[in-house]
Amino acid sequence: MKRVECTEVFPRSAPASPRAAPTIVAKDTLPFVEFLAFEPRGSLLVVESPDLARELGRLRRRSGPRFDLEAELPGLIGPGALSPGGRWLLAGGARIGGQHACCQLIDLHSFQVVHTLPIMRPFVWVDDAHFIAQSPNWKLAFPDGNPVRSETRRVDPALAAAHPALVTPEPSLVRVSLATLTCEPLLPALLLDEEVKAVLSPDRDILYSTTHYSRISAVRLTDARLLWQRPPSRNVIDGTVTDLALDPALHRLVTVGGGMSHDMLVLDATSGEELARHSLSMLARGLTTGPSTRGAALGFRADGLGVIVTNNGLVIELGKEGRWSAYKAGSRAFRALAFSRDGASLALGGGEKNLRAVPLPPIEARP
């Protein structure tokens, strides 16, 4: 495959556009904020979780110009997915052995859980009546100290019995019908490298997904055909993935995560061809002290402005003509971001115990 250094995709830095400093818009969040999304009416949905795998977090709705707390729902974890029409939210529920094992379907009109389902992340909505999730994987057993597949699935047996149609014969990414709570398999899930993130093409017909070890796939939803698949990394040194996003302007997939040689990949979304790889630590050298820079979450505005938030409080903007800029927006790790409905600002959350808003450059002035 053709490969170029990421400096050719993002060849030079640009000064961050003049703007106001980040504003704290809400305090007393749990560490960590794992999900942020703006509802169509402008309210901000926030999933906060304590930094303990055995404990569940809460969903909060914040409304008005001061993002005042309007409603709260305990007993779930992030990440989440908001339906296109804003009626439904998918989020994680109780874990098994510290791992994701179920899904909560929340009706945002009543702000209540209406279904607990035996499926797990990644979540992405196809439309208001269908969504993508992952059927439960096999539990691991360690008879001689090495992991092997057990004969039971990683799900509460009572939950699986209540919705048997969602427990496919083999673990896989599935498309779920909200009306019938049935599903159709799309892509097999591996035992030690299951899917962690998924996004859809602008026409919502191509599903892009990635595993922790960078096995990236493209599946056409109309016929469940695998269009292309990138093989996984051999080990963590070769690169892992924490988030995946699609640049709608240039039709490129971008991942961030970890790795020794690189922690960021840029792929052609049509072919899966690798266009570039880069180290955010090198990209952001000298901008901050403390731990090496790693991307924690990323997203693209509708016009193609990309934003990466990092483990050390940086915001990195990926603009047109390969130019990027970075600035400090906090002192702790960010884990979630959300663009406002008008695209003029960015909400950030993570380990700061507060939410922050960052103004974004207008489209004509972005770097």
Protein backbone atom coordinates (compact mmCIF):
# COMPACT_ATOMS: atom_id res chain seq x y z
CA MET A 1 0.00 0.00 0.00
CA LYS A 2 1.11 3.52 -0.70
CA ARG A 3 2.27 5.31 2.43
CA VAL A 4 3.36 8.87 2.98
CA GLU A 5 4.41 10.57 6.16
CA CYS A 6 1.61 12.38 7.92
CA THR A 7 3.59 15.58 7.64
CA GLU A 8 2.52 15.57 3.98
CA VAL A 9 -1.13 15.40 5.01
CA PHE A 10 -0.65 17.90 7.83
CA PRO A 11 2.60 19.52 6.73
CA ARG A 12 2.81 22.60 8.89
CA SER A 13 1.34 24.17 11.96
CA ALA A 14 -0.64 27.37 11.97
CA PRO A 15 -1.19 29.72 14.90
CA ALA A 16 -4.43 28.96 16.70
CA SER A 17 -7.09 31.36 15.51
CA PRO A 18 -7.65 34.28 17.90
CA ARG A 19 -10.49 33.37 20.21
CA ALA A 20 -11.69 33.55 23.77
CA ALA A 21 -10.26 31.16 26.36
CA PRO A 22 -12.18 27.95 27.14
CA THR A 23 -15.16 28.58 29.43
CA ILE A 24 -16.25 26.31 32.27
CA VAL A 25 -19.97 25.73 31.68
CA ALA A 26 -20.73 23.13 34.35
CA LYS A 27 -18.98 21.89 37.49
CA ASP A 28 -18.97 18.81 39.71
CA THR A 29 -18.95 16.20 36.95
CA LEU A 30 -17.78 12.72 37.80
CA PRO A 31 -14.40 11.69 36.50
CA PHE A 32 -14.70 10.74 33.75
CA VAL A 33 -17.09 12.34 31.27
CA GLU A 34 -17.45 9.61 28.64
CA PHE A 35 -20.05 11.00 26.24
CA LEU A 36 -21.38 14.37 25.11
CA ALA A 37 -24.10 15.17 22.58
CA PHE A 38 -26.30 18.16 21.80
CA GLU A 39 -29.99 17.41 21.38
CA PRO A 40 -31.91 19.07 18.53
CA ARG A 41 -33.45 21.51 21.00
CA GLY A 42 -29.96 22.57 22.16
CA SER A 43 -29.72 20.75 25.50
CA LEU A 44 -26.49 18.94 26.27
CA LEU A 45 -26.51 15.24 27.19
CA VAL A 46 -23.63 14.13 29.41
CA VAL A 47 -22.70 10.60 30.50
CA GLU A 48 -20.41 10.69 33.54
CA SER A 49 -18.80 7.65 35.13
CA PRO A 50 -16.57 7.15 38.18
CA ASP A 51 -13.12 5.79 37.45
CA LEU A 52 -14.04 2.38 38.84
CA ALA A 53 -15.06 -0.49 36.57
CA ARG A 54 -17.42 -1.95 39.19
CA GLU A 55 -19.49 1.24 39.48
CA LEU A 56 -22.03 2.72 37.10
CA GLY A 57 -22.38 6.38 36.26
CA ARG A 58 -25.21 8.70 35.29
CA LEU A 59 -26.81 10.53 32.39
CA ARG A 60 -27.46 14.24 32.85
CA ARG A 61 -29.33 16.73 30.69
CA ARG A 62 -28.15 20.33 30.90
CA SER A 63 -30.22 23.11 29.35
CA GLY A 64 -30.36 26.85 28.88
CA PRO A 65 -27.61 29.39 28.34
CA ARG A 66 -25.90 28.38 31.61
CA PHE A 67 -26.30 24.62 31.01
CA ASP A 68 -28.26 24.19 34.22
CA LEU A 69 -29.01 20.64 35.36
CA GLU A 70 -32.49 19.67 34.14
CA ALA A 71 -32.67 15.89 34.62
CA GLU A 72 -30.56 12.98 35.83
CA LEU A 73 -30.72 9.22 35.27
CA PRO A 74 -28.37 6.89 37.20
CA GLY A 75 -27.19 3.38 36.38
CA LEU A 76 -25.37 3.57 33.06
CA ILE A 77 -22.00 4.16 31.45
CA GLY A 78 -20.67 5.62 28.24
CA PRO A 79 -20.04 5.88 25.42
CA GLY A 80 -23.45 6.55 23.91
CA ALA A 81 -25.24 7.31 20.65
CA LEU A 82 -28.05 9.80 20.04
CA SER A 83 -30.64 8.92 17.37
CA PRO A 84 -30.89 11.33 14.40
CA GLY A 85 -34.26 12.68 15.49
CA GLY A 86 -33.16 13.07 19.10
CA ARG A 87 -35.77 10.72 20.61
CA TRP A 88 -33.53 7.84 21.69
CA LEU A 89 -30.17 7.38 23.39
CA LEU A 90 -28.12 4.20 23.55
CA ALA A 91 -25.66 3.80 26.43
CA GLY A 92 -23.90 1.01 28.26
CA GLY A 93 -25.29 -0.76 31.31
CA ALA A 94 -23.96 -3.14 33.93
CA ARG A 95 -20.60 -4.72 33.15
CA ILE A 96 -19.53 -8.33 33.54
CA GLY A 97 -15.99 -8.81 34.79
CA GLY A 98 -15.33 -5.14 34.17
CA GLN A 99 -16.21 -5.43 30.47
CA HIS A 100 -19.12 -4.01 28.48
CA ALA A 101 -21.97 -6.50 28.47
CA CYS A 102 -25.32 -4.80 27.82
CA CYS A 103 -27.08 -1.75 26.43
CA GLN A 104 -29.62 0.69 27.84
CA LEU A 105 -32.19 2.16 25.43
CA ILE A 106 -33.38 5.48 26.85
CA ASP A 107 -36.48 7.38 25.80
CA LEU A 108 -35.39 11.01 26.08
CA HIS A 109 -39.00 12.23 26.12
CA SER A 110 -39.59 10.48 29.45
CA PHE A 111 -35.90 10.34 30.40
CA GLN A 112 -36.25 6.70 31.39
CA VAL A 113 -34.73 3.38 30.36
CA VAL A 114 -37.28 1.50 28.26
CA HIS A 115 -35.18 -1.56 27.39
CA THR A 116 -32.05 -3.25 28.70
CA LEU A 117 -30.66 -5.34 25.86
CA PRO A 118 -28.00 -8.09 25.60
CA ILE A 119 -25.85 -6.15 23.14
CA MET A 120 -22.91 -3.83 23.65
CA ARG A 121 -20.89 -1.02 22.09
CA PRO A 122 -20.07 0.33 19.59
CA PHE A 123 -23.40 2.05 19.00
CA VAL A 124 -24.36 4.07 15.92
CA TRP A 125 -27.81 4.91 14.56
CA VAL A 126 -28.64 4.16 10.93
CA ASP A 127 -31.96 6.03 11.23
CA ASP A 128 -34.55 6.54 13.96
CA ALA A 129 -35.72 2.92 13.60
CA HIS A 130 -32.43 0.98 13.27
CA PHE A 131 -29.04 1.03 14.97
CA ILE A 132 -25.72 -0.79 14.96
CA ALA A 133 -24.41 -2.62 18.04
CA GLN A 134 -22.38 -5.74 18.87
CA SER A 135 -23.80 -9.06 20.05
CA PRO A 136 -22.16 -10.45 23.21
CA ASN A 137 -18.76 -12.08 22.89
CA TRP A 138 -17.65 -15.27 24.54
CA LYS A 139 -16.39 -15.26 28.11
CA LEU A 140 -12.74 -16.04 28.62
CA ALA A 141 -11.45 -18.93 30.70
CA PHE A 142 -7.88 -19.36 31.96
CA PRO A 143 -7.44 -23.09 32.67
CA ASP A 144 -3.63 -23.04 32.42
CA GLY A 145 -3.01 -19.31 32.66
CA ASN A 146 -3.69 -18.71 28.97
CA PRO A 147 -6.97 -17.24 27.71
CA VAL A 148 -9.31 -19.62 25.91
CA ARG A 149 -12.90 -19.32 24.80
CA SER A 150 -15.45 -20.64 27.27
CA GLU A 151 -18.82 -22.07 26.28
CA THR A 152 -20.86 -19.17 27.67
CA ARG A 153 -21.40 -15.64 26.42
CA ARG A 154 -20.46 -12.43 28.24
CA VAL A 155 -23.99 -11.46 29.13
CA ASP A 156 -26.47 -11.92 31.98
CA PRO A 157 -28.27 -15.22 31.21
CA ALA A 158 -31.64 -13.76 32.21
CA LEU A 159 -31.11 -10.82 29.85
CA ALA A 160 -30.12 -13.15 27.01
CA ALA A 161 -33.22 -15.27 27.64
CA ALA A 162 -35.45 -12.19 27.53
CA HIS A 163 -34.11 -11.17 24.09
CA PRO A 164 -32.76 -14.35 22.44
CA ALA A 165 -32.98 -12.86 18.93
CA LEU A 166 -30.18 -10.42 19.82
CA VAL A 167 -27.75 -13.16 20.90
CA THR A 168 -26.50 -14.28 17.50
CA PRO A 169 -24.92 -17.76 17.15
CA GLU A 170 -21.52 -16.12 16.84
CA PRO A 171 -20.51 -12.68 18.17
CA SER A 172 -20.78 -10.00 15.51
CA LEU A 173 -21.67 -6.45 14.68
CA VAL A 174 -25.41 -6.40 14.10
CA ARG A 175 -28.10 -4.09 12.75
CA VAL A 176 -31.00 -3.96 15.23
CA SER A 177 -34.62 -3.10 14.48
CA LEU A 178 -36.06 -0.88 17.19
CA ALA A 179 -39.61 -2.01 16.41
CA THR A 180 -39.02 -5.78 16.67
CA LEU A 181 -35.78 -5.95 18.71
CA THR A 182 -34.39 -8.42 16.21
CA CYS A 183 -31.07 -8.16 14.38
CA GLU A 184 -29.08 -9.21 11.35
CA PRO A 185 -25.33 -9.97 11.53
CA LEU A 186 -22.99 -7.70 9.59
CA LEU A 187 -19.38 -8.49 10.60
CA PRO A 188 -17.91 -11.25 12.82
CA ALA A 189 -16.36 -10.08 16.10
CA LEU A 190 -13.08 -11.58 17.29
CA LEU A 191 -12.64 -12.94 20.79
CA LEU A 192 -9.63 -10.87 21.83
CA ASP A 193 -10.12 -7.95 19.45
CA GLU A 194 -13.78 -6.96 19.31
CA GLU A 195 -15.08 -3.79 17.71
CA VAL A 196 -14.72 -0.60 19.77
CA LYS A 197 -15.92 2.19 17.46
CA ALA A 198 -18.15 2.53 14.41
CA VAL A 199 -19.23 5.39 12.14
CA LEU A 200 -21.42 5.68 9.04
CA SER A 201 -20.84 7.26 5.64
CA PRO A 202 -22.79 10.46 4.89
CA ASP A 203 -25.37 8.44 2.89
CA ARG A 204 -25.60 6.04 5.88
CA ASP A 205 -25.02 2.96 3.72
CA ILE A 206 -21.38 2.16 4.53
CA LEU A 207 -20.44 1.16 8.07
CA TYR A 208 -16.83 1.72 9.12
CA SER A 209 -15.68 -0.01 12.29
CA THR A 210 -12.44 -0.57 14.13
CA THR A 211 -11.14 -2.88 16.82
CA HIS A 212 -8.73 -1.94 19.57
CA TYR A 213 -5.87 -3.44 17.54
CA SER A 214 -6.65 -1.42 14.41
CA ARG A 215 -8.55 -4.02 12.41
CA ILE A 216 -10.58 -1.53 10.37
CA SER A 217 -13.46 -2.65 8.15
CA ALA A 218 -15.97 -1.22 5.69
CA VAL A 219 -19.32 -3.01 5.33
CA ARG A 220 -22.15 -2.08 2.98
CA LEU A 221 -25.42 -2.22 4.89
CA THR A 222 -27.72 -2.94 1.94
CA ASP A 223 -26.25 -6.43 1.46
CA ALA A 224 -23.86 -6.85 4.45
CA ARG A 225 -20.94 -7.11 2.01
CA LEU A 226 -17.44 -6.56 3.34
CA LEU A 227 -15.91 -3.96 1.01
CA TRP A 228 -12.44 -3.90 2.51
CA GLN A 229 -10.67 -4.73 5.74
CA ARG A 230 -7.35 -3.60 7.17
CA PRO A 231 -5.53 -6.36 9.11
CA PRO A 232 -4.97 -5.79 12.83
CA SER A 233 -1.74 -4.67 14.42
CA ARG A 234 0.51 -7.44 15.65
CA ASN A 235 0.88 -5.90 19.12
CA VAL A 236 0.27 -2.66 21.01
CA ILE A 237 3.59 -1.23 19.83
CA ASP A 238 2.27 -1.26 16.26
CA GLY A 239 -0.69 0.92 17.20
CA THR A 240 -4.06 0.72 18.92
CA VAL A 241 -7.29 2.66 18.39
CA THR A 242 -9.47 4.52 20.87
CA ASP A 243 -11.56 6.54 18.40
CA LEU A 244 -12.47 6.65 14.72
CA ALA A 245 -14.09 9.44 12.70
CA LEU A 246 -14.89 10.18 9.07
CA ASP A 247 -13.91 13.45 7.42
CA PRO A 248 -17.03 14.20 5.33
CA ALA A 249 -15.26 16.79 3.19
CA LEU A 250 -12.33 14.67 2.02
CA HIS A 251 -13.80 11.19 2.58
CA ARG A 252 -10.95 10.09 4.83
CA LEU A 253 -11.04 7.94 7.94
CA VAL A 254 -8.91 9.10 10.84
CA THR A 255 -8.07 7.10 13.95
CA VAL A 256 -6.32 8.03 17.18
CA GLY A 257 -5.05 5.79 19.94
CA GLY A 258 -1.68 4.52 21.15
CA GLY A 259 1.53 3.03 19.80
CA MET A 260 5.28 3.51 19.76
CA SER A 261 5.84 4.45 16.11
CA HIS A 262 2.48 6.15 15.52
CA ASP A 263 -0.87 6.78 17.20
CA MET A 264 -2.81 8.33 14.32
CA LEU A 265 -3.83 6.83 10.99
CA VAL A 266 -5.38 8.45 7.92
CA LEU A 267 -7.10 6.09 5.46
CA ASP A 268 -8.92 6.51 2.18
CA ALA A 269 -12.52 5.62 3.10
CA THR A 270 -13.28 4.18 -0.35
CA SER A 271 -10.40 1.72 -0.57
CA GLY A 272 -8.96 1.48 2.93
CA GLU A 273 -5.57 2.53 1.54
CA GLU A 274 -3.31 4.06 4.15
CA LEU A 275 -2.61 7.67 3.29
CA ALA A 276 -0.56 8.59 6.33
CA ARG A 277 0.43 7.73 9.87
CA HIS A 278 1.77 10.02 12.53
CA SER A 279 2.69 10.47 16.16
CA LEU A 280 0.68 13.14 17.96
CA SER A 281 3.51 13.40 20.47
CA MET A 282 5.76 14.58 17.66
CA LEU A 283 3.05 16.76 16.17
CA ALA A 284 2.46 18.53 19.49
CA ARG A 285 6.04 18.56 20.76
CA GLY A 286 6.74 21.62 22.85
CA LEU A 287 3.09 22.57 23.26
CA THR A 288 2.67 20.96 26.68
CA THR A 289 4.62 19.27 29.43
CA GLY A 290 3.73 16.08 31.27
CA PRO A 291 2.70 12.79 29.66
CA SER A 292 3.24 12.11 25.98
CA THR A 293 0.35 13.34 23.87
CA ARG A 294 -2.19 10.71 22.87
CA GLY A 295 -5.48 11.27 21.10
CA ALA A 296 -8.49 10.30 23.21
CA ALA A 297 -11.41 11.35 21.01
CA LEU A 298 -11.94 13.05 17.68
CA GLY A 299 -14.71 14.35 15.48
CA PHE A 300 -15.37 16.35 12.32
CA ARG A 301 -17.67 19.27 11.80
CA ALA A 302 -19.96 19.06 8.76
CA ASP A 303 -17.61 21.33 6.77
CA GLY A 304 -14.59 19.10 7.46
CA LEU A 305 -12.96 20.87 10.41
CA GLY A 306 -11.42 18.09 12.50
CA VAL A 307 -10.81 18.20 16.24
CA ILE A 308 -8.73 15.81 18.35
CA VAL A 309 -8.77 16.05 22.14
CA THR A 310 -5.93 14.47 24.06
CA ASN A 311 -4.88 12.83 27.30
CA ASN A 312 -3.08 16.00 28.45
CA GLY A 313 -5.64 18.72 27.83
CA LEU A 314 -4.78 19.68 24.25
CA VAL A 315 -7.22 20.50 21.47
CA ILE A 316 -5.75 19.86 18.01
CA GLU A 317 -7.63 21.29 15.04
CA LEU A 318 -7.13 19.72 11.61
CA GLY A 319 -7.92 22.28 8.94
CA LYS A 320 -7.83 22.61 5.20
CA GLU A 321 -4.69 22.51 3.06
CA GLY A 322 -2.98 20.24 5.57
CA ARG A 323 -2.65 22.89 8.24
CA TRP A 324 -3.25 22.18 11.89
CA SER A 325 -3.18 24.12 15.13
CA ALA A 326 -3.13 23.08 18.78
CA TYR A 327 -3.80 24.82 22.04
CA LYS A 328 -4.17 24.00 25.70
CA ALA A 329 -7.77 23.78 26.93
CA GLY A 330 -7.30 21.95 30.23
CA SER A 331 -4.79 20.27 32.51
CA ARG A 332 -6.23 16.73 32.59
CA ALA A 333 -7.32 14.15 30.06
CA PHE A 334 -10.26 14.82 27.78
CA ARG A 335 -12.41 11.85 26.77
CA ALA A 336 -15.41 13.31 24.96
CA LEU A 337 -16.33 16.17 22.63
CA ALA A 338 -19.44 17.46 20.91
CA PHE A 339 -20.00 20.19 18.34
CA SER A 340 -22.79 22.64 19.10
CA ARG A 341 -25.81 22.53 16.77
CA ASP A 342 -24.59 25.63 14.90
CA GLY A 343 -20.96 24.41 14.84
CA ALA A 344 -19.71 27.59 16.52
CA SER A 345 -18.39 25.93 19.67
CA LEU A 346 -17.13 22.67 21.06
CA ALA A 347 -18.08 21.06 24.38
CA LEU A 348 -15.30 19.11 26.12
CA GLY A 349 -15.31 16.70 29.05
CA GLY A 350 -13.06 14.17 30.71
CA GLY A 351 -11.13 14.18 33.94
CA GLU A 352 -11.43 17.89 34.76
CA LYS A 353 -14.56 17.46 36.96
CA ASN A 354 -16.21 20.12 34.83
CA LEU A 355 -17.41 20.73 31.29
CA ARG A 356 -15.72 23.29 29.06
CA ALA A 357 -16.81 25.15 25.95
CA VAL A 358 -14.30 26.22 23.29
CA PRO A 359 -15.23 28.68 20.54
CA LEU A 360 -14.42 27.42 17.05
CA PRO A 361 -13.29 29.40 14.02
CA PRO A 362 -15.95 30.10 11.40
CA ILE A 363 -15.69 28.04 8.25
CA GLU A 364 -14.07 30.77 6.16
CA ALA A 365 -11.42 31.49 8.80
CA ARG A 366 -10.48 28.01 9.92
CA PRO A 367 -6.81 26.98 9.60
